[in-house]
Amino acid sequence: MDSIYLLSAALLIDLIISDPAFLPHPVVITGKFINFLEKKLRKKEQSPSSQKFWGLVLVLIVIAAAYIITALIIRGALNLNQYFGYTVNLLLFSSCLALKGLVDSGKKVYSALKEDNLEAARKRVNQIVGRDCSSSSKEDVIRAALESLAENTSDGILAPMFFYLLGGTPLAVTYKAVNTLDSMLGYKNEKYINFGRAAARIDDLLNYLPARITGFSFITASFIFAYDFRASFRIMRRDAAKHPSPNAGYPEAAAAGALSLRFGGYNYYHGEKSFRAYLGDKIKEFEDDDILRMNKLIYLSVLIFLAAAAIFKVGIYNII
């Protein structure tokens, strides 16, 4: 059960201090490392097959470095002092979690909307989504915030927790490195369609189970909160595969059903209008308070995952 205790402690640290400025963040360090490697490995004159090869090499280097360096840091800290080692391990893992940052980003959009400051809400939601919301309606701002909150519950919270339980802090940090690789290289544009192919595919692979676990966590949380859990399950089964991502549709569809909303529709990317398939049924209109309801789903989903992990651990221990 030590892993469950450390997991709980890391969540508390994230909720209390989030990412303290005085500590270097692994994602920032990883991003700089990826930039360095990209300058060395990606060349304009490369053929598509060469770009795919060197993109894969970059991914493998980053994955190996993230795991090995994290493991060595923890082992070195433990060799100095057991309690120091536990502290380093705890801080490294808590840096992989984004619970406070995620719900706070939703609260900032909510606060701006409650003050009838649509311009501020647009700016705040633009900080957490890839689309351009600078001219979005109030309803589209709320939708963008909700879709981002739902998807990032998996990427930013439950997936790192999942990989921590599988392989400790080194594996959780490695997952975040892959996530960073995808966010920097996994674009389907001329520049990265080949070079970023490995980053996108490996990210899809690692998120396969966490995304579906997040969807079921939302369904369970919606049952406890007396949201529409039946619709949450039905919409996830019906609409999740419509999402362009093989994984993001599961938490988004489950959240849409739970909140009786319809996600998807027209978005703008670099000035270009793009349609994303609808997820859910339009039972009600978007409201400011939907953001707070989504945050409640996030908090409870994390507790549900933690409780399920503890029960699973106890069950395995008793069997052994």
Protein backbone atom coordinates (compact mmCIF):
# COMPACT_ATOMS: atom_id res chain seq x y z
CA MET A 1 0.00 0.00 0.00
CA ASP A 2 3.05 2.32 0.08
CA SER A 3 2.34 3.35 -3.51
CA ILE A 4 -1.23 4.38 -2.59
CA TYR A 5 0.04 6.46 0.34
CA LEU A 6 2.60 8.20 -1.86
CA LEU A 7 -0.01 8.73 -4.56
CA SER A 8 -2.36 10.36 -2.01
CA ALA A 9 0.46 12.52 -0.65
CA ALA A 10 1.44 13.64 -4.16
CA LEU A 11 -2.14 14.68 -4.88
CA LEU A 12 -2.21 16.72 -1.67
CA ILE A 13 1.06 18.42 -2.57
CA ASP A 14 -0.28 19.23 -6.02
CA LEU A 15 -3.46 20.69 -4.50
CA ILE A 16 -1.55 22.76 -1.94
CA ILE A 17 1.49 24.06 -3.81
CA SER A 18 0.98 22.78 -7.37
CA ASP A 19 4.24 23.50 -9.26
CA PRO A 20 6.48 25.69 -7.07
CA ALA A 21 8.54 28.17 -9.07
CA PHE A 22 11.73 27.35 -7.15
CA LEU A 23 11.81 23.77 -8.47
CA PRO A 24 12.70 22.98 -12.11
CA HIS A 25 9.73 21.28 -13.76
CA PRO A 26 10.43 17.99 -15.59
CA VAL A 27 8.11 18.95 -18.47
CA VAL A 28 10.02 22.21 -19.06
CA ILE A 29 13.35 20.35 -19.01
CA THR A 30 11.95 17.69 -21.35
CA GLY A 31 10.68 20.36 -23.73
CA LYS A 32 14.12 21.97 -23.97
CA PHE A 33 15.70 18.56 -24.55
CA ILE A 34 13.19 17.81 -27.34
CA ASN A 35 13.96 21.17 -28.98
CA PHE A 36 17.69 20.42 -28.84
CA LEU A 37 17.28 16.97 -30.38
CA GLU A 38 14.91 18.23 -33.06
CA LYS A 39 17.49 20.78 -34.24
CA LYS A 40 20.06 17.98 -34.52
CA LEU A 41 17.86 15.30 -36.10
CA ARG A 42 15.24 17.00 -38.32
CA LYS A 43 16.46 18.39 -41.62
CA LYS A 44 14.36 19.99 -44.37
CA GLU A 45 16.00 17.95 -47.13
CA GLN A 46 15.15 14.59 -45.50
CA SER A 47 12.83 12.19 -47.33
CA PRO A 48 9.51 11.27 -45.63
CA SER A 49 10.91 7.86 -44.60
CA SER A 50 14.04 9.48 -43.16
CA GLN A 51 11.93 11.93 -41.19
CA LYS A 52 9.90 9.06 -39.74
CA PHE A 53 13.10 7.23 -38.79
CA TRP A 54 14.78 10.19 -37.11
CA GLY A 55 11.52 11.14 -35.42
CA LEU A 56 11.40 7.65 -33.92
CA VAL A 57 15.03 7.93 -32.83
CA LEU A 58 14.22 11.21 -31.05
CA VAL A 59 11.26 9.62 -29.27
CA LEU A 60 13.31 6.62 -28.11
CA ILE A 61 16.12 8.87 -26.82
CA VAL A 62 13.68 11.03 -24.84
CA ILE A 63 11.84 8.01 -23.40
CA ALA A 64 15.08 6.31 -22.33
CA ALA A 65 16.50 9.52 -20.86
CA ALA A 66 13.30 10.32 -18.92
CA TYR A 67 13.12 6.88 -17.32
CA ILE A 68 16.83 6.35 -16.61
CA ILE A 69 17.55 9.85 -15.28
CA THR A 70 14.49 9.81 -13.01
CA ALA A 71 15.39 6.39 -11.64
CA LEU A 72 19.00 7.47 -11.02
CA ILE A 73 17.94 10.67 -9.25
CA ILE A 74 15.63 8.74 -6.91
CA ARG A 75 18.19 6.02 -6.28
CA GLY A 76 20.90 8.59 -5.58
CA ALA A 77 18.64 10.47 -3.16
CA LEU A 78 17.76 7.24 -1.35
CA ASN A 79 21.44 6.37 -1.02
CA LEU A 80 22.07 9.71 0.68
CA ASN A 81 19.15 9.42 3.08
CA GLN A 82 15.99 7.33 3.06
CA TYR A 83 13.68 10.21 3.96
CA PHE A 84 15.40 12.53 1.50
CA GLY A 85 14.85 9.88 -1.17
CA TYR A 86 11.15 9.63 -0.32
CA THR A 87 10.85 13.42 -0.51
CA VAL A 88 12.55 13.62 -3.91
CA ASN A 89 10.38 10.77 -5.20
CA LEU A 90 7.26 12.51 -3.91
CA LEU A 91 8.13 15.88 -5.43
CA LEU A 92 9.05 14.36 -8.78
CA PHE A 93 5.79 12.46 -8.98
CA SER A 94 3.64 15.38 -7.81
CA SER A 95 5.14 17.42 -10.67
CA CYS A 96 3.51 14.93 -13.06
CA LEU A 97 0.03 15.78 -11.73
CA ALA A 98 -2.06 18.75 -12.85
CA LEU A 99 -5.18 18.51 -10.69
CA LYS A 100 -4.96 21.98 -9.15
CA GLY A 101 -3.81 23.61 -12.36
CA LEU A 102 -6.61 22.00 -14.34
CA VAL A 103 -9.50 22.92 -12.05
CA ASP A 104 -8.05 26.41 -11.50
CA SER A 105 -7.97 27.00 -15.26
CA GLY A 106 -11.67 26.17 -15.36
CA LYS A 107 -12.37 28.46 -12.40
CA LYS A 108 -10.61 31.38 -14.12
CA VAL A 109 -12.83 31.03 -17.18
CA TYR A 110 -15.89 30.73 -14.91
CA SER A 111 -14.95 33.85 -12.91
CA ALA A 112 -14.54 35.92 -16.07
CA LEU A 113 -17.92 34.75 -17.38
CA LYS A 114 -19.64 35.54 -14.06
CA GLU A 115 -18.22 39.05 -14.32
CA ASP A 116 -19.70 39.29 -17.85
CA ASN A 117 -16.18 39.77 -19.20
CA LEU A 118 -16.30 37.63 -22.34
CA GLU A 119 -13.00 39.01 -23.64
CA ALA A 120 -11.17 37.90 -20.50
CA ALA A 121 -12.89 34.50 -20.67
CA ARG A 122 -11.72 34.10 -24.28
CA LYS A 123 -8.13 34.90 -23.30
CA ARG A 124 -8.22 32.48 -20.39
CA VAL A 125 -9.68 29.61 -22.38
CA ASN A 126 -7.12 30.25 -25.15
CA GLN A 127 -4.45 29.36 -22.58
CA ILE A 128 -5.76 25.81 -22.20
CA VAL A 129 -6.98 24.87 -25.70
CA GLY A 130 -5.30 24.48 -29.06
CA ARG A 131 -8.06 26.22 -31.01
CA ASP A 132 -8.51 29.97 -31.47
CA CYS A 133 -11.29 31.31 -29.22
CA SER A 134 -10.51 35.02 -29.67
CA SER A 135 -13.87 35.61 -31.40
CA SER A 136 -15.89 32.77 -29.87
CA SER A 137 -19.38 33.19 -28.45
CA LYS A 138 -19.98 32.68 -24.75
CA GLU A 139 -21.41 29.21 -25.43
CA ASP A 140 -18.35 28.21 -27.47
CA VAL A 141 -16.02 29.49 -24.75
CA ILE A 142 -17.80 27.30 -22.19
CA ARG A 143 -17.75 24.33 -24.57
CA ALA A 144 -14.02 24.76 -25.22
CA ALA A 145 -13.32 24.90 -21.48
CA LEU A 146 -15.41 21.80 -20.76
CA GLU A 147 -13.87 19.77 -23.58
CA SER A 148 -10.38 20.69 -22.41
CA LEU A 149 -11.16 19.91 -18.77
CA ALA A 150 -12.58 16.50 -19.70
CA GLU A 151 -9.71 15.49 -21.99
CA ASN A 152 -6.98 16.74 -19.65
CA THR A 153 -8.42 14.84 -16.70
CA SER A 154 -7.00 11.80 -18.45
CA ASP A 155 -3.76 13.32 -19.80
CA GLY A 156 -2.94 15.45 -16.79
CA ILE A 157 -4.17 13.44 -13.81
CA LEU A 158 -5.40 9.87 -14.20
CA ALA A 159 -2.84 8.76 -16.80
CA PRO A 160 0.19 9.79 -14.67
CA MET A 161 -1.48 8.10 -11.66
CA PHE A 162 -2.06 4.97 -13.75
CA PHE A 163 1.56 4.75 -14.91
CA TYR A 164 2.86 5.50 -11.42
CA LEU A 165 0.95 2.49 -10.12
CA LEU A 166 2.39 0.36 -12.93
CA GLY A 167 6.02 1.40 -12.66
CA GLY A 168 6.55 4.06 -10.04
CA THR A 169 7.70 7.64 -10.55
CA PRO A 170 10.14 6.86 -13.40
CA LEU A 171 7.30 5.49 -15.53
CA ALA A 172 5.02 8.41 -14.63
CA VAL A 173 7.73 10.89 -15.68
CA THR A 174 8.28 8.89 -18.86
CA TYR A 175 4.56 9.14 -19.66
CA LYS A 176 4.71 12.93 -19.22
CA ALA A 177 7.72 12.99 -21.55
CA VAL A 178 5.71 11.15 -24.23
CA ASN A 179 2.81 13.54 -23.66
CA THR A 180 5.21 16.46 -24.15
CA LEU A 181 6.60 14.86 -27.31
CA ASP A 182 3.10 14.62 -28.75
CA SER A 183 2.21 18.22 -27.82
CA MET A 184 5.39 19.49 -29.52
CA LEU A 185 5.74 17.16 -32.51
CA GLY A 186 2.45 15.33 -33.02
CA TYR A 187 0.93 17.68 -35.59
CA LYS A 188 -0.57 16.63 -38.90
CA ASN A 189 0.97 19.50 -40.84
CA GLU A 190 3.68 19.55 -43.48
CA LYS A 191 6.42 20.13 -40.92
CA TYR A 192 5.60 17.26 -38.56
CA ILE A 193 3.36 14.81 -40.43
CA ASN A 194 6.33 12.44 -40.83
CA PHE A 195 8.83 13.54 -38.18
CA GLY A 196 6.19 13.60 -35.44
CA ARG A 197 4.47 10.38 -36.47
CA ALA A 198 6.17 8.20 -33.81
CA ALA A 199 5.47 10.73 -31.06
CA ALA A 200 1.76 10.83 -31.92
CA ARG A 201 1.41 7.05 -32.26
CA ILE A 202 3.18 6.24 -28.98
CA ASP A 203 1.14 8.88 -27.17
CA ASP A 204 -2.04 7.30 -28.56
CA LEU A 205 -0.87 3.88 -27.37
CA LEU A 206 -0.04 5.01 -23.83
CA ASN A 207 -3.32 6.89 -23.45
CA TYR A 208 -5.51 4.01 -24.63
CA LEU A 209 -6.35 2.58 -21.18
CA PRO A 210 -6.20 5.82 -19.12
CA ALA A 211 -8.68 7.56 -21.43
CA ARG A 212 -11.20 4.75 -21.09
CA ILE A 213 -10.65 4.52 -17.33
CA THR A 214 -11.33 8.28 -17.14
CA GLY A 215 -14.55 7.84 -19.08
CA PHE A 216 -15.81 5.19 -16.66
CA SER A 217 -14.66 7.30 -13.70
CA PHE A 218 -16.83 10.15 -15.02
CA ILE A 219 -19.78 7.79 -15.35
CA THR A 220 -19.36 6.59 -11.76
CA ALA A 221 -18.94 10.14 -10.48
CA SER A 222 -22.05 11.27 -12.37
CA PHE A 223 -24.02 8.49 -10.66
CA ILE A 224 -22.86 9.67 -7.21
CA PHE A 225 -23.66 13.32 -8.01
CA ALA A 226 -27.05 12.38 -9.53
CA TYR A 227 -26.00 13.69 -12.93
CA ASP A 228 -27.25 11.77 -15.96
CA PHE A 229 -25.03 8.70 -15.57
CA ARG A 230 -27.14 6.63 -17.99
CA ALA A 231 -26.60 9.20 -20.73
CA SER A 232 -22.93 9.41 -19.77
CA PHE A 233 -22.49 5.69 -20.44
CA ARG A 234 -24.70 5.68 -23.54
CA ILE A 235 -23.02 8.70 -25.13
CA MET A 236 -19.56 7.35 -24.44
CA ARG A 237 -20.43 4.08 -26.18
CA ARG A 238 -22.18 5.85 -29.06
CA ASP A 239 -19.99 8.87 -29.76
CA ALA A 240 -16.48 8.37 -28.38
CA ALA A 241 -15.16 6.92 -31.65
CA LYS A 242 -16.36 10.00 -33.58
CA HIS A 243 -13.61 12.10 -32.04
CA PRO A 244 -10.54 12.59 -34.28
CA SER A 245 -8.39 11.34 -31.40
CA PRO A 246 -8.63 7.59 -30.67
CA ASN A 247 -8.67 8.38 -26.95
CA ALA A 248 -9.94 11.88 -26.16
CA GLY A 249 -13.48 11.00 -27.20
CA TYR A 250 -13.99 8.73 -24.19
CA PRO A 251 -13.67 11.29 -21.37
CA GLU A 252 -15.26 14.02 -23.51
CA ALA A 253 -18.29 11.93 -24.51
CA ALA A 254 -18.78 10.67 -20.94
CA ALA A 255 -18.66 14.25 -19.62
CA ALA A 256 -21.03 15.52 -22.32
CA GLY A 257 -23.60 12.86 -21.44
CA ALA A 258 -23.25 13.45 -17.69
CA LEU A 259 -23.81 17.20 -18.12
CA SER A 260 -26.64 16.79 -20.68
CA LEU A 261 -24.66 18.82 -23.21
CA ARG A 262 -23.48 18.41 -26.77
CA PHE A 263 -19.74 18.84 -27.36
CA GLY A 264 -18.12 19.28 -30.76
CA GLY A 265 -19.07 21.60 -33.59
CA TYR A 266 -17.16 24.33 -35.42
CA ASN A 267 -13.75 25.46 -34.16
CA TYR A 268 -11.07 27.74 -35.61
CA TYR A 269 -7.43 26.71 -35.99
CA HIS A 270 -4.98 29.31 -37.35
CA GLY A 271 -7.88 31.16 -38.97
CA GLU A 272 -9.29 28.04 -40.62
CA LYS A 273 -12.81 26.87 -39.78
CA SER A 274 -13.00 23.19 -38.86
CA PHE A 275 -15.91 20.95 -37.90
CA ARG A 276 -15.53 18.36 -35.15
CA ALA A 277 -18.16 15.62 -34.83
CA TYR A 278 -20.81 16.14 -32.19
CA LEU A 279 -20.52 14.21 -28.93
CA GLY A 280 -23.71 13.99 -26.90
CA ASP A 281 -27.25 15.29 -27.25
CA LYS A 282 -28.30 18.91 -26.85
CA ILE A 283 -30.60 18.45 -23.84
CA LYS A 284 -29.74 21.86 -22.38
CA GLU A 285 -27.83 25.01 -23.30
CA PHE A 286 -24.34 25.74 -22.03
CA GLU A 287 -24.25 27.64 -18.74
CA ASP A 288 -21.48 29.18 -16.62
CA ASP A 289 -22.13 26.72 -13.79
CA ASP A 290 -21.41 23.76 -16.10
CA ILE A 291 -17.72 24.52 -15.53
CA LEU A 292 -18.14 24.11 -11.77
CA ARG A 293 -20.10 20.89 -12.33
CA MET A 294 -17.27 19.62 -14.53
CA ASN A 295 -14.73 20.45 -11.81
CA LYS A 296 -16.79 18.43 -9.34
CA LEU A 297 -16.68 15.48 -11.74
CA ILE A 298 -12.90 15.82 -11.96
CA TYR A 299 -12.36 15.84 -8.20
CA LEU A 300 -14.62 12.85 -7.61
CA SER A 301 -13.20 10.91 -10.55
CA VAL A 302 -9.73 11.22 -9.03
CA LEU A 303 -11.02 9.94 -5.68
CA ILE A 304 -12.81 7.05 -7.42
CA PHE A 305 -9.62 6.08 -9.24
CA LEU A 306 -7.63 6.28 -6.01
CA ALA A 307 -10.19 4.15 -4.14
CA ALA A 308 -10.29 1.57 -6.95
CA ALA A 309 -6.49 1.37 -6.97
CA ALA A 310 -6.41 0.83 -3.19
CA ILE A 311 -9.05 -1.91 -3.39
CA PHE A 312 -7.16 -3.59 -6.24
CA LYS A 313 -3.90 -3.43 -4.28
CA VAL A 314 -5.51 -4.96 -1.19
CA GLY A 315 -7.07 -7.71 -3.32
CA ILE A 316 -3.75 -8.58 -4.96
CA TYR A 317 -1.98 -8.54 -1.59
CA ASN A 318 -4.57 -10.94 -0.10
CA ILE A 319 -4.29 -13.29 -3.08
CA ILE A 320 -0.52 -13.36 -2.83
